[in-house]
Amino acid sequence: MQGIPGTEMPAAQNADATPDQVWAVIAYLRTLVGPASGEDARGNAQSGETVFWGKAACGQCHMVRGRGGRLGPDLSRIGTARSRRALITEIRTPSTSMTAGFWPVTLVARDGRRTRGVRKAEDPFSIQIMDTSERLLSVDRSDLREVVQETRSLMPDYGPDRLTDAELDDVLRYLRSVGQAASTAGK
């Protein structure tokens, strides 16, 4: 099993599961999800969609249902894959929980020019990143002075000054509704 890049589903080592067995495990795991809590029911999905694509500008970097940016993880299923508490942490302070495949780096060229983006792949001779303009770049290490492994996410912190608690509730409700629709479509 290869896993799913940008999600919590890692690749499985030495897995010999058949597709039917994989679907059986998925069906079982779906039975473990309890009913939504009262907190999950907060907010308005329509208002959240407006905030997501408008004021918060999440869609500049994140994709939902095939629409939006590619710099950050696809959020089509995030609303049902993560708890409310985890989502709040990831939105309010994204540097505390960066997703594999989206680690920020800054490439410093020999002439001092800096390019920031997310590392996609690397080997002893080159590094591949997606820069903040969503261009895929492959750079020879011999052309670089330094590769800075950043500790701050490219995603800004969305504190209450930037996204009110009510707006955050709306965005979470929107992401939950999108995730539920994606889960239903996958059955």
N, C-alpha and C. Protein backbone atom coordinates (compact mmCIF):
# COMPACT_ATOMS: atom_id res chain seq x y z
N MET A 1 0.85 -1.17 0.00
CA MET A 1 0.00 0.00 0.00
C MET A 1 0.89 1.22 0.00
N GLN A 2 0.60 2.16 -0.88
CA GLN A 2 1.46 3.31 -1.09
C GLN A 2 1.16 4.47 -0.15
N GLY A 3 0.04 4.46 0.52
CA GLY A 3 -0.35 5.60 1.34
C GLY A 3 -0.91 6.70 0.47
N ILE A 4 -1.24 7.82 1.11
CA ILE A 4 -1.80 8.95 0.39
C ILE A 4 -1.00 10.18 0.77
N PRO A 5 -0.20 10.74 -0.17
CA PRO A 5 0.61 11.92 0.14
C PRO A 5 -0.25 13.08 0.65
N GLY A 6 0.25 13.79 1.65
CA GLY A 6 -0.45 14.95 2.19
C GLY A 6 -1.56 14.61 3.16
N THR A 7 -1.66 13.32 3.55
CA THR A 7 -2.68 12.91 4.51
C THR A 7 -2.01 12.13 5.63
N GLU A 8 -2.84 11.66 6.58
CA GLU A 8 -2.31 10.88 7.68
C GLU A 8 -2.04 9.44 7.27
N MET A 9 -2.37 9.04 6.06
CA MET A 9 -2.24 7.65 5.62
C MET A 9 -0.84 7.40 5.07
N PRO A 10 0.06 6.84 5.92
CA PRO A 10 1.42 6.56 5.44
C PRO A 10 1.45 5.28 4.60
N ALA A 11 2.53 5.10 3.90
CA ALA A 11 2.73 3.85 3.16
C ALA A 11 2.95 2.72 4.16
N ALA A 12 2.43 1.55 3.85
CA ALA A 12 2.61 0.39 4.72
C ALA A 12 3.78 -0.43 4.21
N GLN A 13 4.64 -0.84 5.12
CA GLN A 13 5.80 -1.64 4.75
C GLN A 13 5.38 -3.11 4.66
N ASN A 14 5.80 -3.79 3.61
CA ASN A 14 5.55 -5.23 3.43
C ASN A 14 4.07 -5.59 3.53
N ALA A 15 3.20 -4.74 3.01
CA ALA A 15 1.77 -5.01 3.07
C ALA A 15 1.35 -5.83 1.85
N ASP A 16 0.69 -6.95 2.12
CA ASP A 16 0.22 -7.81 1.04
C ASP A 16 -1.30 -7.86 1.01
N ALA A 17 -1.94 -6.79 1.46
CA ALA A 17 -3.40 -6.77 1.52
C ALA A 17 -3.98 -6.65 0.12
N THR A 18 -5.07 -7.37 -0.11
CA THR A 18 -5.78 -7.26 -1.38
C THR A 18 -6.66 -6.02 -1.33
N PRO A 19 -7.11 -5.52 -2.47
CA PRO A 19 -8.02 -4.37 -2.45
C PRO A 19 -9.28 -4.64 -1.61
N ASP A 20 -9.81 -5.85 -1.65
CA ASP A 20 -10.99 -6.17 -0.84
C ASP A 20 -10.68 -6.08 0.65
N GLN A 21 -9.49 -6.52 1.05
CA GLN A 21 -9.11 -6.43 2.46
C GLN A 21 -8.94 -4.97 2.89
N VAL A 22 -8.37 -4.16 2.01
CA VAL A 22 -8.20 -2.74 2.31
C VAL A 22 -9.56 -2.09 2.52
N TRP A 23 -10.50 -2.36 1.62
CA TRP A 23 -11.85 -1.78 1.75
C TRP A 23 -12.56 -2.29 3.00
N ALA A 24 -12.30 -3.53 3.38
CA ALA A 24 -12.90 -4.06 4.61
C ALA A 24 -12.37 -3.29 5.83
N VAL A 25 -11.08 -2.99 5.84
CA VAL A 25 -10.50 -2.22 6.95
C VAL A 25 -11.09 -0.81 6.96
N ILE A 26 -11.21 -0.19 5.79
CA ILE A 26 -11.79 1.15 5.71
C ILE A 26 -13.23 1.13 6.24
N ALA A 27 -14.01 0.15 5.81
CA ALA A 27 -15.40 0.05 6.28
C ALA A 27 -15.44 -0.10 7.80
N TYR A 28 -14.56 -0.92 8.36
CA TYR A 28 -14.51 -1.10 9.80
C TYR A 28 -14.16 0.22 10.51
N LEU A 29 -13.13 0.90 10.00
CA LEU A 29 -12.71 2.15 10.63
C LEU A 29 -13.82 3.19 10.61
N ARG A 30 -14.61 3.19 9.55
CA ARG A 30 -15.73 4.14 9.49
C ARG A 30 -16.77 3.84 10.56
N THR A 31 -16.87 2.60 11.01
CA THR A 31 -17.83 2.28 12.07
C THR A 31 -17.35 2.80 13.42
N LEU A 32 -16.07 3.11 13.54
CA LEU A 32 -15.53 3.60 14.81
C LEU A 32 -15.76 5.08 15.03
N VAL A 33 -16.13 5.78 13.99
CA VAL A 33 -16.37 7.21 14.11
C VAL A 33 -17.71 7.42 14.78
N GLY A 34 -17.68 8.09 15.90
CA GLY A 34 -18.91 8.33 16.65
C GLY A 34 -19.69 9.48 16.04
N PRO A 35 -20.86 9.72 16.57
CA PRO A 35 -21.65 10.84 16.09
C PRO A 35 -20.94 12.16 16.38
N ALA A 36 -21.23 13.15 15.58
CA ALA A 36 -20.59 14.45 15.75
C ALA A 36 -20.98 15.03 17.10
N SER A 37 -20.02 15.70 17.73
CA SER A 37 -20.31 16.33 19.01
C SER A 37 -21.03 17.65 18.76
N GLY A 38 -21.55 18.22 19.82
CA GLY A 38 -22.20 19.52 19.72
C GLY A 38 -21.25 20.58 19.18
N GLU A 39 -19.97 20.46 19.58
CA GLU A 39 -18.98 21.41 19.08
C GLU A 39 -18.80 21.29 17.58
N ASP A 40 -18.90 20.07 17.05
CA ASP A 40 -18.75 19.88 15.61
C ASP A 40 -19.89 20.53 14.84
N ALA A 41 -21.02 20.73 15.51
CA ALA A 41 -22.19 21.29 14.84
C ALA A 41 -22.18 22.82 14.85
N ARG A 42 -21.19 23.42 15.49
CA ARG A 42 -21.10 24.88 15.50
C ARG A 42 -20.82 25.39 14.09
N GLY A 43 -21.21 26.63 13.86
CA GLY A 43 -20.86 27.31 12.62
C GLY A 43 -21.83 27.07 11.49
N ASN A 44 -21.60 27.79 10.41
CA ASN A 44 -22.44 27.74 9.23
C ASN A 44 -21.54 27.41 8.03
N ALA A 45 -21.83 26.29 7.38
CA ALA A 45 -20.98 25.82 6.27
C ALA A 45 -20.93 26.82 5.12
N GLN A 46 -22.06 27.44 4.80
CA GLN A 46 -22.06 28.41 3.69
C GLN A 46 -21.18 29.61 4.01
N SER A 47 -21.31 30.11 5.24
CA SER A 47 -20.46 31.24 5.64
C SER A 47 -19.00 30.81 5.67
N GLY A 48 -18.74 29.58 6.13
CA GLY A 48 -17.38 29.06 6.16
C GLY A 48 -16.77 28.95 4.78
N GLU A 49 -17.57 28.54 3.81
CA GLU A 49 -17.08 28.47 2.43
C GLU A 49 -16.69 29.87 1.94
N THR A 50 -17.51 30.86 2.26
CA THR A 50 -17.23 32.24 1.87
C THR A 50 -15.92 32.73 2.51
N VAL A 51 -15.73 32.44 3.80
CA VAL A 51 -14.51 32.85 4.50
C VAL A 51 -13.30 32.10 3.93
N PHE A 52 -13.46 30.78 3.71
CA PHE A 52 -12.37 29.95 3.19
C PHE A 52 -11.83 30.51 1.87
N TRP A 53 -12.73 30.79 0.93
CA TRP A 53 -12.31 31.25 -0.40
C TRP A 53 -12.08 32.75 -0.45
N GLY A 54 -12.62 33.49 0.53
CA GLY A 54 -12.51 34.94 0.53
C GLY A 54 -11.50 35.46 1.53
N LYS A 55 -12.00 35.96 2.67
CA LYS A 55 -11.18 36.63 3.68
C LYS A 55 -9.94 35.83 4.09
N ALA A 56 -10.09 34.55 4.38
CA ALA A 56 -8.95 33.75 4.84
C ALA A 56 -8.02 33.35 3.71
N ALA A 57 -8.51 33.37 2.47
CA ALA A 57 -7.71 33.06 1.28
C ALA A 57 -7.05 31.67 1.35
N CYS A 58 -7.72 30.72 2.00
CA CYS A 58 -7.17 29.36 2.13
C CYS A 58 -6.97 28.71 0.77
N GLY A 59 -7.88 29.00 -0.16
CA GLY A 59 -7.85 28.39 -1.48
C GLY A 59 -6.67 28.81 -2.34
N GLN A 60 -5.94 29.83 -1.91
CA GLN A 60 -4.74 30.20 -2.67
C GLN A 60 -3.68 29.11 -2.57
N CYS A 61 -3.67 28.38 -1.47
CA CYS A 61 -2.66 27.33 -1.26
C CYS A 61 -3.25 25.93 -1.15
N HIS A 62 -4.51 25.83 -0.76
CA HIS A 62 -5.14 24.53 -0.52
C HIS A 62 -6.23 24.26 -1.54
N MET A 63 -6.34 23.00 -1.91
CA MET A 63 -7.35 22.56 -2.84
C MET A 63 -8.49 21.89 -2.08
N VAL A 64 -9.71 22.13 -2.55
CA VAL A 64 -10.90 21.44 -2.05
C VAL A 64 -11.73 21.06 -3.27
N ARG A 65 -11.99 19.77 -3.39
CA ARG A 65 -12.79 19.24 -4.51
C ARG A 65 -12.26 19.69 -5.87
N GLY A 66 -10.95 19.68 -6.03
CA GLY A 66 -10.35 20.00 -7.32
C GLY A 66 -10.19 21.48 -7.60
N ARG A 67 -10.58 22.34 -6.67
CA ARG A 67 -10.48 23.79 -6.85
C ARG A 67 -9.48 24.34 -5.84
N GLY A 68 -8.62 25.23 -6.27
CA GLY A 68 -7.70 25.89 -5.35
C GLY A 68 -6.25 25.62 -5.67
N GLY A 69 -5.39 25.96 -4.73
CA GLY A 69 -3.95 25.87 -4.92
C GLY A 69 -3.38 24.50 -4.58
N ARG A 70 -2.09 24.34 -4.92
CA ARG A 70 -1.40 23.06 -4.71
C ARG A 70 -0.23 23.16 -3.76
N LEU A 71 0.03 24.35 -3.23
CA LEU A 71 1.19 24.53 -2.36
C LEU A 71 1.00 23.80 -1.03
N GLY A 72 -0.20 23.82 -0.50
CA GLY A 72 -0.51 23.13 0.75
C GLY A 72 -1.29 21.86 0.49
N PRO A 73 -1.54 21.08 1.55
CA PRO A 73 -2.29 19.83 1.39
C PRO A 73 -3.71 20.04 0.88
N ASP A 74 -4.23 19.05 0.16
CA ASP A 74 -5.62 19.02 -0.28
C ASP A 74 -6.49 18.86 0.97
N LEU A 75 -7.50 19.69 1.11
CA LEU A 75 -8.34 19.66 2.32
C LEU A 75 -9.71 19.05 2.08
N SER A 76 -9.90 18.35 0.97
CA SER A 76 -11.21 17.79 0.65
C SER A 76 -11.74 16.83 1.71
N ARG A 77 -10.87 16.13 2.41
CA ARG A 77 -11.31 15.16 3.42
C ARG A 77 -10.88 15.51 4.84
N ILE A 78 -10.22 16.63 4.99
CA ILE A 78 -9.62 16.97 6.29
C ILE A 78 -10.68 17.15 7.39
N GLY A 79 -11.86 17.62 7.03
CA GLY A 79 -12.90 17.88 8.02
C GLY A 79 -13.40 16.65 8.74
N THR A 80 -13.27 15.49 8.11
CA THR A 80 -13.68 14.25 8.78
C THR A 80 -12.47 13.41 9.20
N ALA A 81 -11.29 13.78 8.73
CA ALA A 81 -10.09 13.02 9.06
C ALA A 81 -9.43 13.50 10.35
N ARG A 82 -9.71 14.73 10.76
CA ARG A 82 -9.07 15.29 11.94
C ARG A 82 -10.12 15.76 12.93
N SER A 83 -9.75 15.75 14.19
CA SER A 83 -10.66 16.24 15.23
C SER A 83 -10.75 17.75 15.15
N ARG A 84 -11.80 18.28 15.74
CA ARG A 84 -11.98 19.73 15.82
C ARG A 84 -10.76 20.38 16.49
N ARG A 85 -10.31 19.80 17.59
CA ARG A 85 -9.16 20.35 18.32
C ARG A 85 -7.91 20.38 17.43
N ALA A 86 -7.66 19.29 16.69
CA ALA A 86 -6.49 19.25 15.81
C ALA A 86 -6.59 20.31 14.72
N LEU A 87 -7.77 20.45 14.13
CA LEU A 87 -7.94 21.46 13.08
C LEU A 87 -7.74 22.87 13.61
N ILE A 88 -8.24 23.14 14.79
CA ILE A 88 -8.05 24.47 15.37
C ILE A 88 -6.56 24.75 15.56
N THR A 89 -5.83 23.79 16.09
CA THR A 89 -4.38 23.95 16.28
C THR A 89 -3.70 24.17 14.94
N GLU A 90 -4.07 23.39 13.93
CA GLU A 90 -3.41 23.49 12.63
C GLU A 90 -3.71 24.81 11.92
N ILE A 91 -4.86 25.41 12.23
CA ILE A 91 -5.22 26.69 11.63
C ILE A 91 -4.64 27.86 12.44
N ARG A 92 -4.79 27.78 13.75
CA ARG A 92 -4.31 28.88 14.60
C ARG A 92 -2.78 28.94 14.66
N THR A 93 -2.11 27.79 14.74
CA THR A 93 -0.64 27.74 14.85
C THR A 93 -0.10 26.62 13.96
N PRO A 94 -0.11 26.82 12.65
CA PRO A 94 0.26 25.75 11.71
C PRO A 94 1.69 25.23 11.85
N SER A 95 2.58 26.00 12.39
CA SER A 95 3.97 25.54 12.52
C SER A 95 4.12 24.43 13.55
N THR A 96 3.11 24.23 14.39
CA THR A 96 3.20 23.18 15.42
C THR A 96 2.87 21.80 14.86
N SER A 97 2.34 21.74 13.63
CA SER A 97 1.95 20.43 13.09
C SER A 97 2.04 20.42 11.57
N MET A 98 3.24 20.50 11.06
CA MET A 98 3.41 20.52 9.60
C MET A 98 3.29 19.10 9.03
N THR A 99 2.71 19.02 7.85
CA THR A 99 2.43 17.75 7.18
C THR A 99 3.61 17.30 6.33
N ALA A 100 3.93 16.02 6.41
CA ALA A 100 4.99 15.46 5.57
C ALA A 100 4.69 15.77 4.10
N GLY A 101 5.72 16.09 3.36
CA GLY A 101 5.56 16.45 1.95
C GLY A 101 5.32 17.94 1.76
N PHE A 102 5.20 18.67 2.87
CA PHE A 102 4.95 20.11 2.78
C PHE A 102 5.88 20.88 3.72
N TRP A 103 7.08 20.30 3.96
CA TRP A 103 8.05 20.97 4.84
C TRP A 103 8.66 22.16 4.12
N PRO A 104 8.64 23.33 4.74
CA PRO A 104 9.18 24.53 4.09
C PRO A 104 10.70 24.56 4.08
N VAL A 105 11.24 25.04 2.98
CA VAL A 105 12.69 25.22 2.85
C VAL A 105 12.94 26.55 2.14
N THR A 106 14.14 27.07 2.37
CA THR A 106 14.61 28.22 1.62
C THR A 106 15.90 27.81 0.95
N LEU A 107 15.94 27.96 -0.36
CA LEU A 107 17.16 27.67 -1.11
C LEU A 107 17.93 28.98 -1.28
N VAL A 108 19.18 28.96 -0.89
CA VAL A 108 20.02 30.15 -1.03
C VAL A 108 21.04 29.86 -2.13
N ALA A 109 20.89 30.58 -3.24
CA ALA A 109 21.79 30.39 -4.39
C ALA A 109 23.17 30.97 -4.07
N ARG A 110 24.14 30.59 -4.86
CA ARG A 110 25.51 31.08 -4.67
C ARG A 110 25.57 32.61 -4.70
N ASP A 111 24.69 33.25 -5.49
CA ASP A 111 24.67 34.71 -5.57
C ASP A 111 23.84 35.36 -4.46
N GLY A 112 23.31 34.54 -3.53
CA GLY A 112 22.55 35.07 -2.39
C GLY A 112 21.05 35.11 -2.61
N ARG A 113 20.61 34.86 -3.84
CA ARG A 113 19.18 34.85 -4.14
C ARG A 113 18.49 33.76 -3.32
N ARG A 114 17.33 34.08 -2.75
CA ARG A 114 16.62 33.14 -1.89
C ARG A 114 15.30 32.74 -2.55
N THR A 115 14.98 31.43 -2.49
CA THR A 115 13.72 30.92 -3.02
C THR A 115 13.09 30.08 -1.92
N ARG A 116 11.88 30.46 -1.53
CA ARG A 116 11.18 29.73 -0.47
C ARG A 116 10.11 28.86 -1.09
N GLY A 117 9.89 27.71 -0.50
CA GLY A 117 8.86 26.80 -0.99
C GLY A 117 8.77 25.57 -0.11
N VAL A 118 8.14 24.52 -0.65
CA VAL A 118 8.04 23.26 0.08
C VAL A 118 8.87 22.21 -0.64
N ARG A 119 9.64 21.46 0.16
CA ARG A 119 10.49 20.41 -0.39
C ARG A 119 9.62 19.26 -0.86
N LYS A 120 9.85 18.83 -2.09
CA LYS A 120 9.10 17.70 -2.65
C LYS A 120 9.96 16.45 -2.75
N ALA A 121 11.22 16.62 -3.08
CA ALA A 121 12.14 15.49 -3.19
C ALA A 121 13.56 16.02 -3.18
N GLU A 122 14.50 15.12 -2.87
CA GLU A 122 15.90 15.50 -2.94
C GLU A 122 16.76 14.25 -3.01
N ASP A 123 17.95 14.44 -3.50
CA ASP A 123 18.95 13.37 -3.55
C ASP A 123 20.29 14.06 -3.30
N PRO A 124 21.38 13.33 -3.31
CA PRO A 124 22.67 13.97 -3.02
C PRO A 124 23.08 15.07 -4.01
N PHE A 125 22.47 15.10 -5.19
CA PHE A 125 22.89 16.03 -6.23
C PHE A 125 21.92 17.18 -6.49
N SER A 126 20.65 17.01 -6.10
CA SER A 126 19.66 18.05 -6.41
C SER A 126 18.55 18.06 -5.35
N ILE A 127 17.78 19.13 -5.40
CA ILE A 127 16.60 19.24 -4.55
C ILE A 127 15.46 19.77 -5.41
N GLN A 128 14.28 19.24 -5.19
CA GLN A 128 13.10 19.66 -5.92
C GLN A 128 12.13 20.30 -4.93
N ILE A 129 11.67 21.48 -5.28
CA ILE A 129 10.71 22.18 -4.43
C ILE A 129 9.58 22.72 -5.28
N MET A 130 8.46 23.04 -4.60
CA MET A 130 7.41 23.84 -5.21
C MET A 130 7.54 25.20 -4.55
N ASP A 131 7.83 26.23 -5.35
CA ASP A 131 8.01 27.55 -4.76
C ASP A 131 6.65 28.16 -4.43
N THR A 132 6.65 29.32 -3.81
CA THR A 132 5.41 29.93 -3.36
C THR A 132 4.51 30.39 -4.51
N SER A 133 5.01 30.34 -5.74
CA SER A 133 4.19 30.61 -6.93
C SER A 133 3.71 29.31 -7.57
N GLU A 134 3.90 28.19 -6.87
CA GLU A 134 3.50 26.85 -7.30
C GLU A 134 4.27 26.34 -8.51
N ARG A 135 5.47 26.86 -8.71
CA ARG A 135 6.33 26.34 -9.77
C ARG A 135 7.17 25.22 -9.20
N LEU A 136 7.25 24.11 -9.92
CA LEU A 136 8.12 23.01 -9.51
C LEU A 136 9.52 23.31 -10.02
N LEU A 137 10.49 23.32 -9.11
CA LEU A 137 11.86 23.63 -9.46
C LEU A 137 12.77 22.48 -9.06
N SER A 138 13.72 22.17 -9.91
CA SER A 138 14.76 21.21 -9.58
C SER A 138 16.08 21.97 -9.66
N VAL A 139 16.80 21.99 -8.55
CA VAL A 139 18.01 22.80 -8.46
C VAL A 139 19.19 21.91 -8.12
N ASP A 140 20.27 22.07 -8.87
CA ASP A 140 21.51 21.34 -8.56
C ASP A 140 22.08 21.88 -7.26
N ARG A 141 22.47 20.98 -6.38
CA ARG A 141 23.05 21.40 -5.10
C ARG A 141 24.34 22.21 -5.30
N SER A 142 25.04 21.95 -6.41
CA SER A 142 26.28 22.70 -6.67
C SER A 142 26.00 24.18 -6.94
N ASP A 143 24.75 24.52 -7.27
CA ASP A 143 24.37 25.92 -7.51
C ASP A 143 23.90 26.62 -6.24
N LEU A 144 23.90 25.89 -5.12
CA LEU A 144 23.37 26.44 -3.87
C LEU A 144 24.47 26.69 -2.85
N ARG A 145 24.30 27.77 -2.13
CA ARG A 145 25.16 28.06 -0.99
C ARG A 145 24.63 27.33 0.24
N GLU A 146 23.27 27.24 0.33
CA GLU A 146 22.67 26.68 1.54
C GLU A 146 21.24 26.23 1.25
N VAL A 147 20.81 25.19 1.97
CA VAL A 147 19.42 24.77 2.00
C VAL A 147 18.96 24.92 3.44
N VAL A 148 18.09 25.86 3.69
CA VAL A 148 17.62 26.15 5.05
C VAL A 148 16.33 25.37 5.29
N GLN A 149 16.36 24.45 6.25
CA GLN A 149 15.17 23.70 6.65
C GLN A 149 14.39 24.60 7.61
N GLU A 150 13.31 25.18 7.14
CA GLU A 150 12.56 26.15 7.93
C GLU A 150 11.76 25.46 9.04
N THR A 151 11.57 26.16 10.13
CA THR A 151 10.76 25.65 11.23
C THR A 151 9.38 26.31 11.26
N ARG A 152 9.21 27.36 10.47
CA ARG A 152 7.91 28.05 10.39
C ARG A 152 7.20 27.60 9.11
N SER A 153 5.95 27.27 9.26
CA SER A 153 5.13 26.87 8.12
C SER A 153 4.98 28.04 7.15
N LEU A 154 4.76 27.72 5.89
CA LEU A 154 4.44 28.77 4.92
C LEU A 154 3.04 29.32 5.20
N MET A 155 2.20 28.52 5.86
CA MET A 155 0.86 28.97 6.20
C MET A 155 0.95 29.95 7.37
N PRO A 156 0.31 31.10 7.25
CA PRO A 156 0.35 32.05 8.36
C PRO A 156 -0.50 31.56 9.53
N ASP A 157 -0.20 32.07 10.73
CA ASP A 157 -1.05 31.80 11.89
C ASP A 157 -2.37 32.55 11.69
N TYR A 158 -3.46 31.87 11.93
CA TYR A 158 -4.78 32.49 11.86
C TYR A 158 -5.31 32.67 13.27
N GLY A 159 -4.68 33.62 13.99
CA GLY A 159 -5.13 33.94 15.34
C GLY A 159 -6.46 34.67 15.29
N PRO A 160 -7.06 34.92 16.46
CA PRO A 160 -8.36 35.60 16.52
C PRO A 160 -8.35 36.99 15.89
N ASP A 161 -7.19 37.61 15.79
CA ASP A 161 -7.10 38.92 15.13
C ASP A 161 -7.26 38.79 13.61
N ARG A 162 -7.00 37.61 13.09
CA ARG A 162 -7.06 37.38 11.66
C ARG A 162 -8.32 36.61 11.25
N LEU A 163 -8.81 35.75 12.16
CA LEU A 163 -9.98 34.92 11.92
C LEU A 163 -10.70 34.79 13.26
N THR A 164 -11.87 35.40 13.37
CA THR A 164 -12.59 35.37 14.65
C THR A 164 -12.98 33.93 15.00
N ASP A 165 -13.33 33.71 16.26
CA ASP A 165 -13.78 32.38 16.67
C ASP A 165 -15.01 31.95 15.87
N ALA A 166 -15.92 32.88 15.61
CA ALA A 166 -17.13 32.56 14.84
C ALA A 166 -16.76 32.19 13.40
N GLU A 167 -15.84 32.92 12.80
CA GLU A 167 -15.41 32.60 11.44
C GLU A 167 -14.69 31.25 11.41
N LEU A 168 -13.90 30.98 12.43
CA LEU A 168 -13.23 29.68 12.51
C LEU A 168 -14.26 28.57 12.62
N ASP A 169 -15.29 28.74 13.44
CA ASP A 169 -16.37 27.76 13.54
C ASP A 169 -17.01 27.52 12.17
N ASP A 170 -17.22 28.59 11.42
CA ASP A 170 -17.82 28.48 10.09
C ASP A 170 -16.91 27.70 9.14
N VAL A 171 -15.62 28.01 9.15
CA VAL A 171 -14.66 27.30 8.28
C VAL A 171 -14.61 25.83 8.65
N LEU A 172 -14.58 25.53 9.94
CA LEU A 172 -14.55 24.12 10.37
C LEU A 172 -15.82 23.39 9.94
N ARG A 173 -16.96 24.06 10.04
CA ARG A 173 -18.22 23.45 9.61
C ARG A 173 -18.19 23.19 8.09
N TYR A 174 -17.64 24.15 7.33
CA TYR A 174 -17.50 23.97 5.88
C TYR A 174 -16.60 22.77 5.57
N LEU A 175 -15.43 22.70 6.23
CA LEU A 175 -14.52 21.58 5.98
C LEU A 175 -15.15 20.25 6.38
N ARG A 176 -15.91 20.23 7.46
CA ARG A 176 -16.60 19.01 7.89
C ARG A 176 -17.62 18.60 6.82
N SER A 177 -18.38 19.58 6.28
CA SER A 177 -19.40 19.24 5.26
C SER A 177 -18.74 18.73 3.98
N VAL A 178 -17.62 19.30 3.60
CA VAL A 178 -16.90 18.85 2.42
C VAL A 178 -16.37 17.44 2.65
N GLY A 179 -15.80 17.21 3.84
CA GLY A 179 -15.27 15.88 4.18
C GLY A 179 -16.36 14.81 4.22
N GLN A 180 -17.53 15.17 4.75
CA GLN A 180 -18.64 14.22 4.79
C GLN A 180 -19.11 13.88 3.39
N ALA A 181 -19.17 14.89 2.52
CA ALA A 181 -19.57 14.65 1.13
C ALA A 181 -18.55 13.75 0.43
N ALA A 182 -17.27 13.97 0.69
CA ALA A 182 -16.22 13.13 0.08
C ALA A 182 -16.29 11.71 0.58
N SER A 183 -16.57 11.54 1.89
CA SER A 183 -16.68 10.18 2.45
C SER A 183 -17.87 9.44 1.88
N THR A 184 -18.97 10.14 1.72
CA THR A 184 -20.18 9.53 1.15
C THR A 184 -19.95 9.14 -0.30
N ALA A 185 -19.23 9.99 -1.04
CA ALA A 185 -18.94 9.69 -2.45
C ALA A 185 -18.01 8.50 -2.59
N GLY A 186 -17.14 8.27 -1.58
CA GLY A 186 -16.18 7.17 -1.64
C GLY A 186 -16.75 5.83 -1.28
N LYS A 187 -17.99 5.77 -0.82
CA LYS A 187 -18.59 4.49 -0.40
C LYS A 187 -19.10 3.70 -1.57
